[in-house]
C-alpha atoms as a PDB file:
ATOM      1  CA  UNK A   1     -19.781  11.364   0.409  1.00  0.00           C
ATOM      2  CA  UNK A   2     -18.273   8.652  -1.410  1.00  0.00           C
ATOM      3  CA  UNK A   3     -16.112   6.359   0.410  1.00  0.00           C
ATOM      4  CA  UNK A   4     -12.105   6.666   0.235  1.00  0.00           C
ATOM      5  CA  UNK A   5     -10.626   3.565  -1.777  1.00  0.00           C
ATOM      6  CA  UNK A   6      -7.684   1.915  -0.321  1.00  0.00           C
ATOM      7  CA  UNK A   7      -5.701  -0.589  -2.693  1.00  0.00           C
ATOM      8  CA  UNK A   8      -3.683  -3.272  -0.731  1.00  0.00           C
ATOM      9  CA  UNK A   9      -0.737  -4.912  -2.797  1.00  0.00           C
ATOM     10  CA  UNK A  10      -0.010  -7.906  -0.738  1.00  0.00           C
ATOM     11  CA  UNK A  11       0.269 -11.825  -1.895  1.00  0.00           C
ATOM     12  CA  UNK A  12      -0.173 -12.982   1.942  1.00  0.00           C
ATOM     13  CA  UNK A  13      -3.954 -14.191   1.927  1.00  0.00           C
ATOM     14  CA  UNK A  14      -3.739 -13.717   6.053  1.00  0.00           C
ATOM     15  CA  UNK A  15      -2.103 -10.104   5.833  1.00  0.00           C
ATOM     16  CA  UNK A  16      -4.784  -9.079   3.377  1.00  0.00           C
ATOM     17  CA  UNK A  17      -7.638 -10.422   5.777  1.00  0.00           C
ATOM     18  CA  UNK A  18      -6.234  -8.411   8.150  1.00  0.00           C
ATOM     19  CA  UNK A  19      -6.826  -5.540   6.459  1.00  0.00           C
ATOM     20  CA  UNK A  20     -10.378  -6.319   5.061  1.00  0.00           C
ATOM     21  CA  UNK A  21     -11.053  -6.609   8.769  1.00  0.00           C
ATOM     22  CA  UNK A  22      -9.633  -3.227   9.712  1.00  0.00           C
ATOM     23  CA  UNK A  23     -10.734  -1.109   7.164  1.00  0.00           C
ATOM     24  CA  UNK A  24     -13.702  -2.891   5.429  1.00  0.00           C
ATOM     25  CA  UNK A  25     -16.512  -0.851   6.959  1.00  0.00           C
ATOM     26  CA  UNK A  26     -14.734   2.477   6.755  1.00  0.00           C
ATOM     27  CA  UNK A  27     -13.251   2.005   3.208  1.00  0.00           C
ATOM     28  CA  UNK A  28     -13.665   0.515  -0.330  1.00  0.00           C
ATOM     29  CA  UNK A  29     -10.827  -2.079  -0.688  1.00  0.00           C
ATOM     30  CA  UNK A  30      -9.162  -3.191  -3.959  1.00  0.00           C
ATOM     31  CA  UNK A  31      -6.718  -5.914  -3.682  1.00  0.00           C
ATOM     32  CA  UNK A  32      -3.844  -7.337  -5.714  1.00  0.00           C
ATOM     33  CA  UNK A  33      -1.695 -10.139  -5.101  1.00  0.00           C
ATOM     34  CA  UNK A  34       1.435  -9.080  -6.768  1.00  0.00           C
ATOM     35  CA  UNK A  35       3.256  -5.963  -8.212  1.00  0.00           C
ATOM     36  CA  UNK A  36       2.416  -6.017 -11.742  1.00  0.00           C
ATOM     37  CA  UNK A  37      -1.189  -6.523 -10.833  1.00  0.00           C
ATOM     38  CA  UNK A  38      -1.179  -4.122  -8.449  1.00  0.00           C
ATOM     39  CA  UNK A  39       0.207  -1.483 -10.776  1.00  0.00           C
ATOM     40  CA  UNK A  40      -2.898  -2.176 -13.147  1.00  0.00           C
ATOM     41  CA  UNK A  41      -5.329  -1.936 -10.619  1.00  0.00           C
ATOM     42  CA  UNK A  42      -3.863   1.490  -9.224  1.00  0.00           C
ATOM     43  CA  UNK A  43      -3.960   2.941 -12.867  1.00  0.00           C
ATOM     44  CA  UNK A  44      -7.402   1.682 -13.601  1.00  0.00           C
ATOM     45  CA  UNK A  45      -8.868   2.688  -9.774  1.00  0.00           C
ATOM     46  CA  UNK A  46      -6.977   5.559  -8.863  1.00  0.00           C
ATOM     47  CA  UNK A  47      -7.468   4.896  -5.331  1.00  0.00           C
ATOM     48  CA  UNK A  48      -6.781   7.844  -2.971  1.00  0.00           C
ATOM     49  CA  UNK A  49      -4.098   5.156  -0.867  1.00  0.00           C
ATOM     50  CA  UNK A  50      -1.961   2.501  -1.292  1.00  0.00           C
ATOM     51  CA  UNK A  51      -0.715  -0.117   1.358  1.00  0.00           C
ATOM     52  CA  UNK A  52       2.050  -2.272  -0.743  1.00  0.00           C
ATOM     53  CA  UNK A  53       4.018  -5.045   0.352  1.00  0.00           C
ATOM     54  CA  UNK A  54       7.632  -5.390  -0.652  1.00  0.00           C
ATOM     55  CA  UNK A  55       8.117  -8.810  -1.007  1.00  0.00           C
ATOM     56  CA  UNK A  56       5.717  -9.515  -4.234  1.00  0.00           C
ATOM     57  CA  UNK A  57       5.697 -11.980  -7.019  1.00  0.00           C
ATOM     58  CA  UNK A  58       6.425 -10.547 -10.613  1.00  0.00           C
ATOM     59  CA  UNK A  59       7.465  -7.202  -9.371  1.00  0.00           C
ATOM     60  CA  UNK A  60       8.708  -5.857  -5.959  1.00  0.00           C
ATOM     61  CA  UNK A  61       6.950  -3.141  -4.306  1.00  0.00           C
ATOM     62  CA  UNK A  62       9.436  -0.831  -4.608  1.00  0.00           C
ATOM     63  CA  UNK A  63       9.693  -1.324  -8.482  1.00  0.00           C
ATOM     64  CA  UNK A  64       6.072  -1.108  -8.432  1.00  0.00           C
ATOM     65  CA  UNK A  65       6.064   2.014  -6.389  1.00  0.00           C
ATOM     66  CA  UNK A  66       8.835   3.666  -8.551  1.00  0.00           C
ATOM     67  CA  UNK A  67       6.543   2.847 -11.547  1.00  0.00           C
ATOM     68  CA  UNK A  68       3.540   4.636 -10.046  1.00  0.00           C
ATOM     69  CA  UNK A  69       5.831   7.361  -8.955  1.00  0.00           C
ATOM     70  CA  UNK A  70       6.735   8.063 -12.402  1.00  0.00           C
ATOM     71  CA  UNK A  71       3.028   8.031 -13.854  1.00  0.00           C
ATOM     72  CA  UNK A  72       1.090  11.026 -14.510  1.00  0.00           C
ATOM     73  CA  UNK A  73      -2.009   9.310 -13.450  1.00  0.00           C
ATOM     74  CA  UNK A  74      -0.874   7.694 -10.035  1.00  0.00           C
ATOM     75  CA  UNK A  75       2.177  10.067  -8.706  1.00  0.00           C
ATOM     76  CA  UNK A  76      -0.257  11.989  -6.359  1.00  0.00           C
ATOM     77  CA  UNK A  77      -1.398   8.613  -4.366  1.00  0.00           C
ATOM     78  CA  UNK A  78      -0.021   8.376  -1.411  1.00  0.00           C
ATOM     79  CA  UNK A  79       1.882   5.088  -0.832  1.00  0.00           C
ATOM     80  CA  UNK A  80       2.781   3.136   2.502  1.00  0.00           C
ATOM     81  CA  UNK A  81       5.524   0.447   2.154  1.00  0.00           C
ATOM     82  CA  UNK A  82       4.865  -2.245   4.326  1.00  0.00           C
ATOM     83  CA  UNK A  83       7.544  -5.006   5.142  1.00  0.00           C
ATOM     84  CA  UNK A  84       8.379  -8.087   7.206  1.00  0.00           C
ATOM     85  CA  UNK A  85      12.205  -7.770   6.613  1.00  0.00           C
ATOM     86  CA  UNK A  86      12.768  -4.682   8.042  1.00  0.00           C
ATOM     87  CA  UNK A  87      16.565  -4.495   7.631  1.00  0.00           C
ATOM     88  CA  UNK A  88      18.727  -1.225   8.310  1.00  0.00           C
ATOM     89  CA  UNK A  89      18.159   0.588   5.154  1.00  0.00           C
ATOM     90  CA  UNK A  90      14.820  -0.403   4.067  1.00  0.00           C
ATOM     91  CA  UNK A  91      13.440   2.891   5.047  1.00  0.00           C
ATOM     92  CA  UNK A  92      15.380   5.030   3.180  1.00  0.00           C
ATOM     93  CA  UNK A  93      14.628   2.697  -0.197  1.00  0.00           C
ATOM     94  CA  UNK A  94      10.938   2.871   0.424  1.00  0.00           C
ATOM     95  CA  UNK A  95      11.866   6.660   0.518  1.00  0.00           C
ATOM     96  CA  UNK A  96      13.913   6.786  -2.305  1.00  0.00           C
ATOM     97  CA  UNK A  97      11.164   4.570  -4.235  1.00  0.00           C
ATOM     98  CA  UNK A  98       8.693   7.733  -3.557  1.00  0.00           C
ATOM     99  CA  UNK A  99       6.862   6.214  -0.775  1.00  0.00           C
ATOM    100  CA  UNK A 100       4.983   8.451   1.744  1.00  0.00           C
ATOM    101  CA  UNK A 101       5.229   6.019   4.829  1.00  0.00           C
ATOM    102  CA  UNK A 102       6.463   2.792   6.125  1.00  0.00           C
ATOM    103  CA  UNK A 103       5.589   0.211   8.157  1.00  0.00           C
ATOM    104  CA  UNK A 104       7.207  -2.829   9.659  1.00  0.00           C
ATOM    105  CA  UNK A 105       5.706  -6.412  10.017  1.00  0.00           C
ATOM    106  CA  UNK A 106       4.417  -7.365  12.173  1.00  0.00           C
ATOM    107  CA  UNK A 107       2.478  -4.156  13.381  1.00  0.00           C
ATOM    108  CA  UNK A 108      -0.596  -3.723  15.433  1.00  0.00           C
ATOM    109  CA  UNK A 109      -3.992  -3.181  13.911  1.00  0.00           C
ATOM    110  CA  UNK A 110      -3.983   0.435  15.736  1.00  0.00           C
ATOM    111  CA  UNK A 111      -0.530   1.441  14.387  1.00  0.00           C
ATOM    112  CA  UNK A 112      -2.104   0.432  10.434  1.00  0.00           C
ATOM    113  CA  UNK A 113      -5.554   2.263  11.446  1.00  0.00           C
ATOM    114  CA  UNK A 114      -3.591   5.654  12.486  1.00  0.00           C
ATOM    115  CA  UNK A 115      -1.148   5.290   9.254  1.00  0.00           C
ATOM    116  CA  UNK A 116      -4.636   5.072   7.019  1.00  0.00           C
ATOM    117  CA  UNK A 117      -6.515   8.087   9.175  1.00  0.00           C
ATOM    118  CA  UNK A 118      -3.393  10.244   8.586  1.00  0.00           C
ATOM    119  CA  UNK A 119      -3.782  10.031   4.941  1.00  0.00           C
ATOM    120  CA  UNK A 120      -7.321   9.658   4.661  1.00  0.00           C
ATOM    121  CA  UNK A 121      -9.462  11.415   7.616  1.00  0.00           C
ATOM    122  CA  UNK A 122     -12.655  10.461   8.257  1.00  0.00           C
END
């Protein structure tokens, strides 16, 4: 079976490195460092899952999520919103944007792995 594809849209290299270490052997990984590039890559590659940071250059993760939800090509792709600004109301804003799940930083590697495997069982 072909490897499932995970797109990480994250501007912080350290956070992308964590995802690479955690998922790199089990999944095909794509990376974008800003919201605009992430939307373009998602439309071009149609990944199986998107891990979306909220605070991104050029376009917020919530705006990028709304754009992907509105596009017939990408509306079915589960998007996990990841934020280090876990304020009250963030979970609701993530759900309102069309996110399938929400994860607050800092998270444990195990939390991320469980979340990914829930969407992409091996």
